[in-house]
Amino acid sequence: MSKTIFLVDDSATILMSVSATLLANGFKVETASDGLQALEKLNAGLKPDLMITDINMPNMGGLELIQNVRTLPDFRSMPILTLTSESHADKRAEGEKMGANGWLVKPIADAELLRVIEQVLPRT
């Protein structure tokens, strides 16, 4: 059974390109365009194996999303990666404090993205 990755980003281009990479490598993909929409989908019953989120988004950013997701019992241990243009150490530290398991900086090569996913989400 393939793993489901929940991709959250306000850029349609990022959603399309990263989704294509993930689908081509055997993952199922669900998407949301901001943190608020992502929380709505999780609360409506979506159960991803991994979430990858941008940080800077309208309505609710990625750090606030991570903080909210970590309060939901079903998602306290779900791996969460950030995929963002933010490369500042203070933002990364804040992300880790909120519960992010990894910090990826855009642009990222497909091979690097897949390598990090395999580290936090071993295929079974």
PDB file of N, CA and C in Angstrom:
ATOM      1  N   MET A   1       0.849  -1.184   0.000  1.00  0.00           N
ATOM      2  CA  MET A   1       0.000   0.000   0.000  1.00  0.00           C
ATOM      3  C   MET A   1       0.891   1.242   0.000  1.00  0.00           C
ATOM      4  N   SER A   2       0.610   2.151  -0.903  1.00  0.00           N
ATOM      5  CA  SER A   2       1.470   3.333  -1.000  1.00  0.00           C
ATOM      6  C   SER A   2       1.147   4.342   0.098  1.00  0.00           C
ATOM      7  N   LYS A   3       2.153   5.077   0.473  1.00  0.00           N
ATOM      8  CA  LYS A   3       2.027   6.090   1.518  1.00  0.00           C
ATOM      9  C   LYS A   3       1.428   7.364   0.938  1.00  0.00           C
ATOM     10  N   THR A   4       0.655   8.074   1.770  1.00  0.00           N
ATOM     11  CA  THR A   4       0.036   9.328   1.355  1.00  0.00           C
ATOM     12  C   THR A   4       0.831  10.496   1.910  1.00  0.00           C
ATOM     13  N   ILE A   5       1.191  11.411   1.016  1.00  0.00           N
ATOM     14  CA  ILE A   5       1.898  12.625   1.409  1.00  0.00           C
ATOM     15  C   ILE A   5       0.964  13.808   1.198  1.00  0.00           C
ATOM     16  N   PHE A   6       0.835  14.619   2.232  1.00  0.00           N
ATOM     17  CA  PHE A   6      -0.022  15.804   2.211  1.00  0.00           C
ATOM     18  C   PHE A   6       0.876  17.005   1.958  1.00  0.00           C
ATOM     19  N   LEU A   7       0.706  17.631   0.806  1.00  0.00           N
ATOM     20  CA  LEU A   7       1.534  18.745   0.368  1.00  0.00           C
ATOM     21  C   LEU A   7       0.751  20.044   0.528  1.00  0.00           C
ATOM     22  N   VAL A   8       1.306  20.999   1.295  1.00  0.00           N
ATOM     23  CA  VAL A   8       0.630  22.263   1.579  1.00  0.00           C
ATOM     24  C   VAL A   8       1.511  23.409   1.101  1.00  0.00           C
ATOM     25  N   ASP A   9       1.029  24.157   0.095  1.00  0.00           N
ATOM     26  CA  ASP A   9       1.795  25.273  -0.467  1.00  0.00           C
ATOM     27  C   ASP A   9       0.831  26.177  -1.215  1.00  0.00           C
ATOM     28  N   ASP A  10       1.055  27.479  -1.146  1.00  0.00           N
ATOM     29  CA  ASP A  10       0.180  28.412  -1.859  1.00  0.00           C
ATOM     30  C   ASP A  10       0.584  28.597  -3.315  1.00  0.00           C
ATOM     31  N   SER A  11       1.665  27.994  -3.744  1.00  0.00           N
ATOM     32  CA  SER A  11       2.117  28.085  -5.129  1.00  0.00           C
ATOM     33  C   SER A  11       1.598  26.893  -5.929  1.00  0.00           C
ATOM     34  N   ALA A  12       0.746  27.167  -6.919  1.00  0.00           N
ATOM     35  CA  ALA A  12       0.232  26.099  -7.779  1.00  0.00           C
ATOM     36  C   ALA A  12       1.372  25.402  -8.510  1.00  0.00           C
ATOM     37  N   THR A  13       2.404  26.148  -8.867  1.00  0.00           N
ATOM     38  CA  THR A  13       3.556  25.573  -9.560  1.00  0.00           C
ATOM     39  C   THR A  13       4.268  24.550  -8.679  1.00  0.00           C
ATOM     40  N   ILE A  14       4.490  24.895  -7.422  1.00  0.00           N
ATOM     41  CA  ILE A  14       5.135  23.962  -6.486  1.00  0.00           C
ATOM     42  C   ILE A  14       4.248  22.738  -6.271  1.00  0.00           C
ATOM     43  N   LEU A  15       2.947  22.966  -6.064  1.00  0.00           N
ATOM     44  CA  LEU A  15       2.039  21.835  -5.866  1.00  0.00           C
ATOM     45  C   LEU A  15       2.100  20.872  -7.043  1.00  0.00           C
ATOM     46  N   MET A  16       2.090  21.416  -8.269  1.00  0.00           N
ATOM     47  CA  MET A  16       2.113  20.563  -9.461  1.00  0.00           C
ATOM     48  C   MET A  16       3.444  19.837  -9.615  1.00  0.00           C
ATOM     49  N   SER A  17       4.554  20.556  -9.468  1.00  0.00           N
ATOM     50  CA  SER A  17       5.857  19.926  -9.718  1.00  0.00           C
ATOM     51  C   SER A  17       6.213  18.895  -8.649  1.00  0.00           C
ATOM     52  N   VAL A  18       5.995  19.231  -7.390  1.00  0.00           N
ATOM     53  CA  VAL A  18       6.318  18.285  -6.321  1.00  0.00           C
ATOM     54  C   VAL A  18       5.355  17.097  -6.357  1.00  0.00           C
ATOM     55  N   SER A  19       4.075  17.360  -6.626  1.00  0.00           N
ATOM     56  CA  SER A  19       3.106  16.262  -6.750  1.00  0.00           C
ATOM     57  C   SER A  19       3.514  15.296  -7.847  1.00  0.00           C
ATOM     58  N   ALA A  20       3.942  15.826  -8.992  1.00  0.00           N
ATOM     59  CA  ALA A  20       4.357  14.972 -10.111  1.00  0.00           C
ATOM     60  C   ALA A  20       5.529  14.080  -9.704  1.00  0.00           C
ATOM     61  N   THR A  21       6.494  14.645  -8.992  1.00  0.00           N
ATOM     62  CA  THR A  21       7.644  13.867  -8.519  1.00  0.00           C
ATOM     63  C   THR A  21       7.197  12.762  -7.564  1.00  0.00           C
ATOM     64  N   LEU A  22       6.330  13.118  -6.628  1.00  0.00           N
ATOM     65  CA  LEU A  22       5.880  12.142  -5.637  1.00  0.00           C
ATOM     66  C   LEU A  22       5.057  11.032  -6.282  1.00  0.00           C
ATOM     67  N   LEU A  23       4.133  11.404  -7.166  1.00  0.00           N
ATOM     68  CA  LEU A  23       3.303  10.412  -7.855  1.00  0.00           C
ATOM     69  C   LEU A  23       4.156   9.464  -8.693  1.00  0.00           C
ATOM     70  N   ALA A  24       5.152  10.012  -9.378  1.00  0.00           N
ATOM     71  CA  ALA A  24       6.034   9.197 -10.216  1.00  0.00           C
ATOM     72  C   ALA A  24       6.873   8.219  -9.390  1.00  0.00           C
ATOM     73  N   ASN A  25       6.974   8.483  -8.097  1.00  0.00           N
ATOM     74  CA  ASN A  25       7.750   7.614  -7.215  1.00  0.00           C
ATOM     75  C   ASN A  25       6.870   6.770  -6.295  1.00  0.00           C
ATOM     76  N   GLY A  26       5.609   6.620  -6.672  1.00  0.00           N
ATOM     77  CA  GLY A  26       4.728   5.677  -5.997  1.00  0.00           C
ATOM     78  C   GLY A  26       3.958   6.173  -4.798  1.00  0.00           C
ATOM     79  N   PHE A  27       3.993   7.467  -4.529  1.00  0.00           N
ATOM     80  CA  PHE A  27       3.241   8.010  -3.405  1.00  0.00           C
ATOM     81  C   PHE A  27       1.860   8.471  -3.858  1.00  0.00           C
ATOM     82  N   LYS A  28       0.911   8.451  -2.926  1.00  0.00           N
ATOM     83  CA  LYS A  28      -0.367   9.126  -3.133  1.00  0.00           C
ATOM     84  C   LYS A  28      -0.161  10.552  -2.641  1.00  0.00           C
ATOM     85  N   VAL A  29      -0.851  11.517  -3.254  1.00  0.00           N
ATOM     86  CA  VAL A  29      -0.656  12.919  -2.886  1.00  0.00           C
ATOM     87  C   VAL A  29      -2.005  13.596  -2.655  1.00  0.00           C
ATOM     88  N   GLU A  30      -2.106  14.307  -1.556  1.00  0.00           N
ATOM     89  CA  GLU A  30      -3.226  15.206  -1.267  1.00  0.00           C
ATOM     90  C   GLU A  30      -2.624  16.595  -1.140  1.00  0.00           C
ATOM     91  N   THR A  31      -3.386  17.628  -1.527  1.00  0.00           N
ATOM     92  CA  THR A  31      -2.850  18.989  -1.477  1.00  0.00           C
ATOM     93  C   THR A  31      -3.808  19.959  -0.787  1.00  0.00           C
ATOM     94  N   ALA A  32      -3.228  21.048  -0.307  1.00  0.00           N
ATOM     95  CA  ALA A  32      -3.972  22.187   0.230  1.00  0.00           C
ATOM     96  C   ALA A  32      -3.161  23.432  -0.101  1.00  0.00           C
ATOM     97  N   SER A  33      -3.853  24.565  -0.242  1.00  0.00           N
ATOM     98  CA  SER A  33      -3.172  25.791  -0.662  1.00  0.00           C
ATOM     99  C   SER A  33      -2.806  26.724   0.491  1.00  0.00           C
ATOM    100  N   ASP A  34      -3.178  26.372   1.715  1.00  0.00           N
ATOM    101  CA  ASP A  34      -2.751  27.142   2.886  1.00  0.00           C
ATOM    102  C   ASP A  34      -3.005  26.314   4.142  1.00  0.00           C
ATOM    103  N   GLY A  35      -2.529  26.808   5.259  1.00  0.00           N
ATOM    104  CA  GLY A  35      -2.649  26.071   6.505  1.00  0.00           C
ATOM    105  C   GLY A  35      -4.071  25.861   6.967  1.00  0.00           C
ATOM    106  N   LEU A  36      -4.929  26.841   6.737  1.00  0.00           N
ATOM    107  CA  LEU A  36      -6.323  26.723   7.148  1.00  0.00           C
ATOM    108  C   LEU A  36      -7.014  25.595   6.389  1.00  0.00           C
ATOM    109  N   GLN A  37      -6.815  25.559   5.071  1.00  0.00           N
ATOM    110  CA  GLN A  37      -7.394  24.492   4.259  1.00  0.00           C
ATOM    111  C   GLN A  37      -6.822  23.132   4.677  1.00  0.00           C
ATOM    112  N   ALA A  38      -5.547  23.101   4.998  1.00  0.00           N
ATOM    113  CA  ALA A  38      -4.918  21.852   5.441  1.00  0.00           C
ATOM    114  C   ALA A  38      -5.558  21.341   6.729  1.00  0.00           C
ATOM    115  N   LEU A  39      -5.746  22.218   7.706  1.00  0.00           N
ATOM    116  CA  LEU A  39      -6.380  21.809   8.965  1.00  0.00           C
ATOM    117  C   LEU A  39      -7.794  21.311   8.732  1.00  0.00           C
ATOM    118  N   GLU A  40      -8.531  21.990   7.839  1.00  0.00           N
ATOM    119  CA  GLU A  40      -9.893  21.560   7.521  1.00  0.00           C
ATOM    120  C   GLU A  40      -9.887  20.139   6.960  1.00  0.00           C
ATOM    121  N   LYS A  41      -8.954  19.841   6.074  1.00  0.00           N
ATOM    122  CA  LYS A  41      -8.879  18.497   5.487  1.00  0.00           C
ATOM    123  C   LYS A  41      -8.499  17.450   6.535  1.00  0.00           C
ATOM    124  N   LEU A  42      -7.571  17.783   7.420  1.00  0.00           N
ATOM    125  CA  LEU A  42      -7.189  16.845   8.478  1.00  0.00           C
ATOM    126  C   LEU A  42      -8.360  16.590   9.421  1.00  0.00           C
ATOM    127  N   ASN A  43      -9.065  17.649   9.793  1.00  0.00           N
ATOM    128  CA  ASN A  43     -10.214  17.507  10.686  1.00  0.00           C
ATOM    129  C   ASN A  43     -11.376  16.779  10.018  1.00  0.00           C
ATOM    130  N   ALA A  44     -11.408  16.782   8.676  1.00  0.00           N
ATOM    131  CA  ALA A  44     -12.466  16.091   7.929  1.00  0.00           C
ATOM    132  C   ALA A  44     -12.141  14.614   7.700  1.00  0.00           C
ATOM    133  N   GLY A  45     -10.984  14.160   8.169  1.00  0.00           N
ATOM    134  CA  GLY A  45     -10.685  12.741   8.096  1.00  0.00           C
ATOM    135  C   GLY A  45      -9.485  12.332   7.267  1.00  0.00           C
ATOM    136  N   LEU A  46      -8.801  13.277   6.636  1.00  0.00           N
ATOM    137  CA  LEU A  46      -7.591  12.933   5.891  1.00  0.00           C
ATOM    138  C   LEU A  46      -6.534  12.413   6.864  1.00  0.00           C
ATOM    139  N   LYS A  47      -5.910  11.288   6.537  1.00  0.00           N
ATOM    140  CA  LYS A  47      -4.901  10.679   7.409  1.00  0.00           C
ATOM    141  C   LYS A  47      -3.617  10.418   6.622  1.00  0.00           C
ATOM    142  N   PRO A  48      -2.845  11.462   6.351  1.00  0.00           N
ATOM    143  CA  PRO A  48      -1.600  11.268   5.597  1.00  0.00           C
ATOM    144  C   PRO A  48      -0.520  10.601   6.449  1.00  0.00           C
ATOM    145  N   ASP A  49       0.452  10.033   5.753  1.00  0.00           N
ATOM    146  CA  ASP A  49       1.594   9.432   6.434  1.00  0.00           C
ATOM    147  C   ASP A  49       2.695  10.457   6.686  1.00  0.00           C
ATOM    148  N   LEU A  50       2.668  11.554   5.918  1.00  0.00           N
ATOM    149  CA  LEU A  50       3.678  12.609   5.995  1.00  0.00           C
ATOM    150  C   LEU A  50       3.058  13.898   5.481  1.00  0.00           C
ATOM    151  N   MET A  51       3.408  15.023   6.101  1.00  0.00           N
ATOM    152  CA  MET A  51       2.987  16.328   5.600  1.00  0.00           C
ATOM    153  C   MET A  51       4.227  17.133   5.240  1.00  0.00           C
ATOM    154  N   ILE A  52       4.167  17.784   4.081  1.00  0.00           N
ATOM    155  CA  ILE A  52       5.220  18.708   3.648  1.00  0.00           C
ATOM    156  C   ILE A  52       4.550  20.060   3.481  1.00  0.00           C
ATOM    157  N   THR A  53       5.038  21.066   4.199  1.00  0.00           N
ATOM    158  CA  THR A  53       4.379  22.369   4.156  1.00  0.00           C
ATOM    159  C   THR A  53       5.349  23.516   3.889  1.00  0.00           C
ATOM    160  N   ASP A  54       4.834  24.499   3.166  1.00  0.00           N
ATOM    161  CA  ASP A  54       5.523  25.772   3.003  1.00  0.00           C
ATOM    162  C   ASP A  54       5.396  26.517   4.332  1.00  0.00           C
ATOM    163  N   ILE A  55       6.162  27.562   4.516  1.00  0.00           N
ATOM    164  CA  ILE A  55       6.078  28.370   5.729  1.00  0.00           C
ATOM    165  C   ILE A  55       5.253  29.633   5.495  1.00  0.00           C
ATOM    166  N   ASN A  56       5.561  30.357   4.427  1.00  0.00           N
ATOM    167  CA  ASN A  56       4.885  31.627   4.155  1.00  0.00           C
ATOM    168  C   ASN A  56       3.691  31.405   3.233  1.00  0.00           C
ATOM    169  N   MET A  57       2.484  31.417   3.836  1.00  0.00           N
ATOM    170  CA  MET A  57       1.241  31.230   3.087  1.00  0.00           C
ATOM    171  C   MET A  57       0.179  32.158   3.646  1.00  0.00           C
ATOM    172  N   PRO A  58      -0.828  32.490   2.829  1.00  0.00           N
ATOM    173  CA  PRO A  58      -1.928  33.318   3.325  1.00  0.00           C
ATOM    174  C   PRO A  58      -2.819  32.526   4.287  1.00  0.00           C
ATOM    175  N   ASN A  59      -3.654  33.220   5.020  1.00  0.00           N
ATOM    176  CA  ASN A  59      -4.654  32.656   5.941  1.00  0.00           C
ATOM    177  C   ASN A  59      -4.034  31.982   7.165  1.00  0.00           C
ATOM    178  N   MET A  60      -3.156  31.016   6.963  1.00  0.00           N
ATOM    179  CA  MET A  60      -2.422  30.392   8.061  1.00  0.00           C
ATOM    180  C   MET A  60      -1.105  29.871   7.504  1.00  0.00           C
ATOM    181  N   GLY A  61      -0.015  30.345   8.060  1.00  0.00           N
ATOM    182  CA  GLY A  61       1.306  29.926   7.595  1.00  0.00           C
ATOM    183  C   GLY A  61       1.686  28.549   8.111  1.00  0.00           C
ATOM    184  N   GLY A  62       2.804  28.058   7.629  1.00  0.00           N
ATOM    185  CA  GLY A  62       3.243  26.719   7.966  1.00  0.00           C
ATOM    186  C   GLY A  62       3.605  26.501   9.420  1.00  0.00           C
ATOM    187  N   LEU A  63       4.229  27.480  10.061  1.00  0.00           N
ATOM    188  CA  LEU A  63       4.599  27.304  11.470  1.00  0.00           C
ATOM    189  C   LEU A  63       3.357  27.186  12.343  1.00  0.00           C
ATOM    190  N   GLU A  64       2.362  28.030  12.076  1.00  0.00           N
ATOM    191  CA  GLU A  64       1.104  27.949  12.824  1.00  0.00           C
ATOM    192  C   GLU A  64       0.392  26.629  12.522  1.00  0.00           C
ATOM    193  N   LEU A  65       0.448  26.199  11.270  1.00  0.00           N
ATOM    194  CA  LEU A  65      -0.146  24.913  10.899  1.00  0.00           C
ATOM    195  C   LEU A  65       0.509  23.776  11.681  1.00  0.00           C
ATOM    196  N   ILE A  66       1.839  23.747  11.702  1.00  0.00           N
ATOM    197  CA  ILE A  66       2.547  22.688  12.427  1.00  0.00           C
ATOM    198  C   ILE A  66       2.148  22.694  13.900  1.00  0.00           C
ATOM    199  N   GLN A  67       2.112  23.862  14.488  1.00  0.00           N
ATOM    200  CA  GLN A  67       1.741  23.981  15.901  1.00  0.00           C
ATOM    201  C   GLN A  67       0.338  23.422  16.137  1.00  0.00           C
ATOM    202  N   ASN A  68      -0.602  23.750  15.249  1.00  0.00           N
ATOM    203  CA  ASN A  68      -1.973  23.252  15.375  1.00  0.00           C
ATOM    204  C   ASN A  68      -2.054  21.745  15.153  1.00  0.00           C
ATOM    205  N   VAL A  69      -1.346  21.248  14.156  1.00  0.00           N
ATOM    206  CA  VAL A  69      -1.373  19.812  13.853  1.00  0.00           C
ATOM    207  C   VAL A  69      -0.848  19.007  15.036  1.00  0.00           C
ATOM    208  N   ARG A  70       0.171  19.498  15.695  1.00  0.00           N
ATOM    209  CA  ARG A  70       0.762  18.774  16.823  1.00  0.00           C
ATOM    210  C   ARG A  70      -0.176  18.695  18.033  1.00  0.00           C
ATOM    211  N   THR A  71      -1.249  19.479  18.056  1.00  0.00           N
ATOM    212  CA  THR A  71      -2.225  19.380  19.145  1.00  0.00           C
ATOM    213  C   THR A  71      -3.293  18.332  18.852  1.00  0.00           C
ATOM    214  N   LEU A  72      -3.364  17.838  17.616  1.00  0.00           N
ATOM    215  CA  LEU A  72      -4.371  16.845  17.236  1.00  0.00           C
ATOM    216  C   LEU A  72      -3.841  15.447  17.556  1.00  0.00           C
ATOM    217  N   PRO A  73      -4.553  14.678  18.371  1.00  0.00           N
ATOM    218  CA  PRO A  73      -4.049  13.371  18.810  1.00  0.00           C
ATOM    219  C   PRO A  73      -3.603  12.448  17.676  1.00  0.00           C
ATOM    220  N   ASP A  74      -4.324  12.419  16.564  1.00  0.00           N
ATOM    221  CA  ASP A  74      -3.980  11.515  15.462  1.00  0.00           C
ATOM    222  C   ASP A  74      -2.700  11.910  14.731  1.00  0.00           C
ATOM    223  N   PHE A  75      -2.220  13.132  14.954  1.00  0.00           N
ATOM    224  CA  PHE A  75      -1.102  13.639  14.158  1.00  0.00           C
ATOM    225  C   PHE A  75       0.107  14.070  14.981  1.00  0.00           C
ATOM    226  N   ARG A  76       0.117  13.742  16.253  1.00  0.00           N
ATOM    227  CA  ARG A  76       1.233  14.162  17.114  1.00  0.00           C
ATOM    228  C   ARG A  76       2.565  13.576  16.669  1.00  0.00           C
ATOM    229  N   SER A  77       2.527  12.371  16.097  1.00  0.00           N
ATOM    230  CA  SER A  77       3.784  11.731  15.692  1.00  0.00           C
ATOM    231  C   SER A  77       3.962  11.657  14.174  1.00  0.00           C
ATOM    232  N   MET A  78       3.028  12.216  13.405  1.00  0.00           N
ATOM    233  CA  MET A  78       3.169  12.216  11.946  1.00  0.00           C
ATOM    234  C   MET A  78       4.388  13.051  11.554  1.00  0.00           C
ATOM    235  N   PRO A  79       5.249  12.530  10.690  1.00  0.00           N
ATOM    236  CA  PRO A  79       6.388  13.335  10.239  1.00  0.00           C
ATOM    237  C   PRO A  79       5.921  14.571   9.463  1.00  0.00           C
ATOM    238  N   ILE A  80       6.557  15.701   9.738  1.00  0.00           N
ATOM    239  CA  ILE A  80       6.264  16.949   9.032  1.00  0.00           C
ATOM    240  C   ILE A  80       7.579  17.544   8.546  1.00  0.00           C
ATOM    241  N   LEU A  81       7.630  17.815   7.246  1.00  0.00           N
ATOM    242  CA  LEU A  81       8.774  18.499   6.647  1.00  0.00           C
ATOM    243  C   LEU A  81       8.334  19.869   6.175  1.00  0.00           C
ATOM    244  N   THR A  82       9.222  20.835   6.243  1.00  0.00           N
ATOM    245  CA  THR A  82       8.951  22.125   5.626  1.00  0.00           C
ATOM    246  C   THR A  82       9.671  22.162   4.284  1.00  0.00           C
ATOM    247  N   LEU A  83       9.061  22.830   3.320  1.00  0.00           N
ATOM    248  CA  LEU A  83       9.674  23.067   2.011  1.00  0.00           C
ATOM    249  C   LEU A  83       9.450  24.540   1.733  1.00  0.00           C
ATOM    250  N   THR A  84      10.481  25.344   1.929  1.00  0.00           N
ATOM    251  CA  THR A  84      10.300  26.786   1.962  1.00  0.00           C
ATOM    252  C   THR A  84      11.506  27.518   1.389  1.00  0.00           C
ATOM    253  N   SER A  85      11.297  28.765   1.046  1.00  0.00           N
ATOM    254  CA  SER A  85      12.420  29.598   0.609  1.00  0.00           C
ATOM    255  C   SER A  85      13.139  30.217   1.809  1.00  0.00           C
ATOM    256  N   GLU A  86      12.577  30.042   3.010  1.00  0.00           N
ATOM    257  CA  GLU A  86      13.182  30.556   4.251  1.00  0.00           C
ATOM    258  C   GLU A  86      14.398  29.716   4.627  1.00  0.00           C
ATOM    259  N   SER A  87      15.566  30.332   4.663  1.00  0.00           N
ATOM    260  CA  SER A  87      16.763  29.572   5.033  1.00  0.00           C
ATOM    261  C   SER A  87      17.416  30.088   6.311  1.00  0.00           C
ATOM    262  N   HIS A  88      16.778  31.040   6.984  1.00  0.00           N
ATOM    263  CA  HIS A  88      17.349  31.624   8.198  1.00  0.00           C
ATOM    264  C   HIS A  88      17.323  30.621   9.351  1.00  0.00           C
ATOM    265  N   ALA A  89      18.407  30.573  10.101  1.00  0.00           N
ATOM    266  CA  ALA A  89      18.538  29.627  11.211  1.00  0.00           C
ATOM    267  C   ALA A  89      17.458  29.834  12.262  1.00  0.00           C
ATOM    268  N   ASP A  90      17.043  31.093  12.507  1.00  0.00           N
ATOM    269  CA  ASP A  90      16.022  31.335  13.525  1.00  0.00           C
ATOM    270  C   ASP A  90      14.672  30.756  13.108  1.00  0.00           C
ATOM    271  N   LYS A  91      14.347  30.830  11.825  1.00  0.00           N
ATOM    272  CA  LYS A  91      13.097  30.238  11.331  1.00  0.00           C
ATOM    273  C   LYS A  91      13.156  28.722  11.452  1.00  0.00           C
ATOM    274  N   ARG A  92      14.292  28.156  11.099  1.00  0.00           N
ATOM    275  CA  ARG A  92      14.467  26.699  11.196  1.00  0.00           C
ATOM    276  C   ARG A  92      14.308  26.251  12.648  1.00  0.00           C
ATOM    277  N   ALA A  93      14.920  26.976  13.579  1.00  0.00           N
ATOM    278  CA  ALA A  93      14.811  26.636  15.000  1.00  0.00           C
ATOM    279  C   ALA A  93      13.365  26.737  15.467  1.00  0.00           C
ATOM    280  N   GLU A  94      12.658  27.765  14.992  1.00  0.00           N
ATOM    281  CA  GLU A  94      11.249  27.916  15.353  1.00  0.00           C
ATOM    282  C   GLU A  94      10.429  26.749  14.804  1.00  0.00           C
ATOM    283  N   GLY A  95      10.730  26.340  13.576  1.00  0.00           N
ATOM    284  CA  GLY A  95      10.039  25.204  12.979  1.00  0.00           C
ATOM    285  C   GLY A  95      10.257  23.926  13.768  1.00  0.00           C
ATOM    286  N   GLU A  96      11.492  23.695  14.181  1.00  0.00           N
ATOM    287  CA  GLU A  96      11.798  22.511  14.984  1.00  0.00           C
ATOM    288  C   GLU A  96      11.092  22.569  16.330  1.00  0.00           C
ATOM    289  N   LYS A  97      11.036  23.758  16.915  1.00  0.00           N
ATOM    290  CA  LYS A  97      10.346  23.939  18.194  1.00  0.00           C
ATOM    291  C   LYS A  97       8.860  23.616  18.057  1.00  0.00           C
ATOM    292  N   MET A  98       8.266  23.976  16.913  1.00  0.00           N
ATOM    293  CA  MET A  98       6.846  23.719  16.670  1.00  0.00           C
ATOM    294  C   MET A  98       6.576  22.241  16.384  1.00  0.00           C
ATOM    295  N   GLY A  99       7.620  21.507  15.985  1.00  0.00           N
ATOM    296  CA  GLY A  99       7.443  20.081  15.741  1.00  0.00           C
ATOM    297  C   GLY A  99       7.794  19.598  14.354  1.00  0.00           C
ATOM    298  N   ALA A 100       8.472  20.424  13.549  1.00  0.00           N
ATOM    299  CA  ALA A 100       8.897  19.981  12.216  1.00  0.00           C
ATOM    300  C   ALA A 100      10.020  18.957  12.350  1.00  0.00           C
ATOM    301  N   ASN A 101       9.996  17.940  11.501  1.00  0.00           N
ATOM    302  CA  ASN A 101      11.017  16.890  11.524  1.00  0.00           C
ATOM    303  C   ASN A 101      12.152  17.145  10.546  1.00  0.00           C
ATOM    304  N   GLY A 102      11.983  18.138   9.670  1.00  0.00           N
ATOM    305  CA  GLY A 102      13.020  18.455   8.699  1.00  0.00           C
ATOM    306  C   GLY A 102      12.721  19.771   8.016  1.00  0.00           C
ATOM    307  N   TRP A 103      13.770  20.420   7.521  1.00  0.00           N
ATOM    308  CA  TRP A 103      13.661  21.758   6.930  1.00  0.00           C
ATOM    309  C   TRP A 103      14.331  21.734   5.571  1.00  0.00           C
ATOM    310  N   LEU A 104      13.541  21.807   4.501  1.00  0.00           N
ATOM    311  CA  LEU A 104      14.058  21.785   3.136  1.00  0.00           C
ATOM    312  C   LEU A 104      13.907  23.159   2.518  1.00  0.00           C
ATOM    313  N   VAL A 105      14.933  23.596   1.792  1.00  0.00           N
ATOM    314  CA  VAL A 105      14.924  24.933   1.200  1.00  0.00           C
ATOM    315  C   VAL A 105      14.704  24.833  -0.307  1.00  0.00           C
ATOM    316  N   LYS A 106      13.737  25.636  -0.795  1.00  0.00           N
ATOM    317  CA  LYS A 106      13.459  25.718  -2.238  1.00  0.00           C
ATOM    318  C   LYS A 106      14.545  26.544  -2.909  1.00  0.00           C
ATOM    319  N   PRO A 107      14.896  26.243  -4.131  1.00  0.00           N
ATOM    320  CA  PRO A 107      14.471  25.058  -4.887  1.00  0.00           C
ATOM    321  C   PRO A 107      15.231  23.832  -4.394  1.00  0.00           C
ATOM    322  N   ILE A 108      14.592  22.673  -4.541  1.00  0.00           N
ATOM    323  CA  ILE A 108      15.221  21.424  -4.107  1.00  0.00           C
ATOM    324  C   ILE A 108      15.180  20.427  -5.260  1.00  0.00           C
ATOM    325  N   ALA A 109      16.263  19.704  -5.425  1.00  0.00           N
ATOM    326  CA  ALA A 109      16.322  18.673  -6.464  1.00  0.00           C
ATOM    327  C   ALA A 109      15.410  17.515  -6.067  1.00  0.00           C
ATOM    328  N   ASP A 110      14.797  16.895  -7.063  1.00  0.00           N
ATOM    329  CA  ASP A 110      13.902  15.768  -6.800  1.00  0.00           C
ATOM    330  C   ASP A 110      14.594  14.682  -5.979  1.00  0.00           C
ATOM    331  N   ALA A 111      15.830  14.358  -6.330  1.00  0.00           N
ATOM    332  CA  ALA A 111      16.561  13.297  -5.629  1.00  0.00           C
ATOM    333  C   ALA A 111      16.754  13.630  -4.151  1.00  0.00           C
ATOM    334  N   GLU A 112      17.033  14.886  -3.841  1.00  0.00           N
ATOM    335  CA  GLU A 112      17.212  15.305  -2.447  1.00  0.00           C
ATOM    336  C   GLU A 112      15.892  15.219  -1.690  1.00  0.00           C
ATOM    337  N   LEU A 113      14.804  15.680  -2.308  1.00  0.00           N
ATOM    338  CA  LEU A 113      13.485  15.601  -1.685  1.00  0.00           C
ATOM    339  C   LEU A 113      13.152  14.147  -1.356  1.00  0.00           C
ATOM    340  N   LEU A 114      13.334  13.265  -2.314  1.00  0.00           N
ATOM    341  CA  LEU A 114      13.024  11.850  -2.108  1.00  0.00           C
ATOM    342  C   LEU A 114      13.928  11.218  -1.054  1.00  0.00           C
ATOM    343  N   ARG A 115      15.190  11.625  -1.007  1.00  0.00           N
ATOM    344  CA  ARG A 115      16.118  11.109   0.001  1.00  0.00           C
ATOM    345  C   ARG A 115      15.648  11.466   1.412  1.00  0.00           C
ATOM    346  N   VAL A 116      15.223  12.714   1.599  1.00  0.00           N
ATOM    347  CA  VAL A 116      14.766  13.152   2.922  1.00  0.00           C
ATOM    348  C   VAL A 116      13.453  12.461   3.284  1.00  0.00           C
ATOM    349  N   ILE A 117      12.557  12.327   2.314  1.00  0.00           N
ATOM    350  CA  ILE A 117      11.297  11.621   2.572  1.00  0.00           C
ATOM    351  C   ILE A 117      11.588  10.192   3.029  1.00  0.00           C
ATOM    352  N   GLU A 118      12.499   9.519   2.365  1.00  0.00           N
ATOM    353  CA  GLU A 118      12.847   8.143   2.742  1.00  0.00           C
ATOM    354  C   GLU A 118      13.429   8.076   4.155  1.00  0.00           C
ATOM    355  N   GLN A 119      14.114   9.127   4.584  1.00  0.00           N
ATOM    356  CA  GLN A 119      14.681   9.149   5.937  1.00  0.00           C
ATOM    357  C   GLN A 119      13.597   9.233   6.999  1.00  0.00           C
ATOM    358  N   VAL A 120      12.572  10.051   6.749  1.00  0.00           N
ATOM    359  CA  VAL A 120      11.537  10.246   7.771  1.00  0.00           C
ATOM    360  C   VAL A 120      10.344   9.321   7.586  1.00  0.00           C
ATOM    361  N   LEU A 121      10.242   8.703   6.415  1.00  0.00           N
ATOM    362  CA  LEU A 121       9.087   7.859   6.105  1.00  0.00           C
ATOM    363  C   LEU A 121       9.547   6.598   5.377  1.00  0.00           C
ATOM    364  N   PRO A 122      10.139   5.655   6.093  1.00  0.00           N
ATOM    365  CA  PRO A 122      10.591   4.431   5.422  1.00  0.00           C
ATOM    366  C   PRO A 122       9.411   3.691   4.803  1.00  0.00           C
ATOM    367  N   ARG A 123       9.611   3.203   3.602  1.00  0.00           N
ATOM    368  CA  ARG A 123       8.550   2.419   2.945  1.00  0.00           C
ATOM    369  C   ARG A 123       8.467   1.059   3.615  1.00  0.00           C
ATOM    370  N   THR A 124       7.215   0.610   3.766  1.00  0.00           N
ATOM    371  CA  THR A 124       7.006  -0.708   4.389  1.00  0.00           C
ATOM    372  C   THR A 124       6.359  -1.650   3.417  1.00  0.00           C
TER     373      THR A 124
END
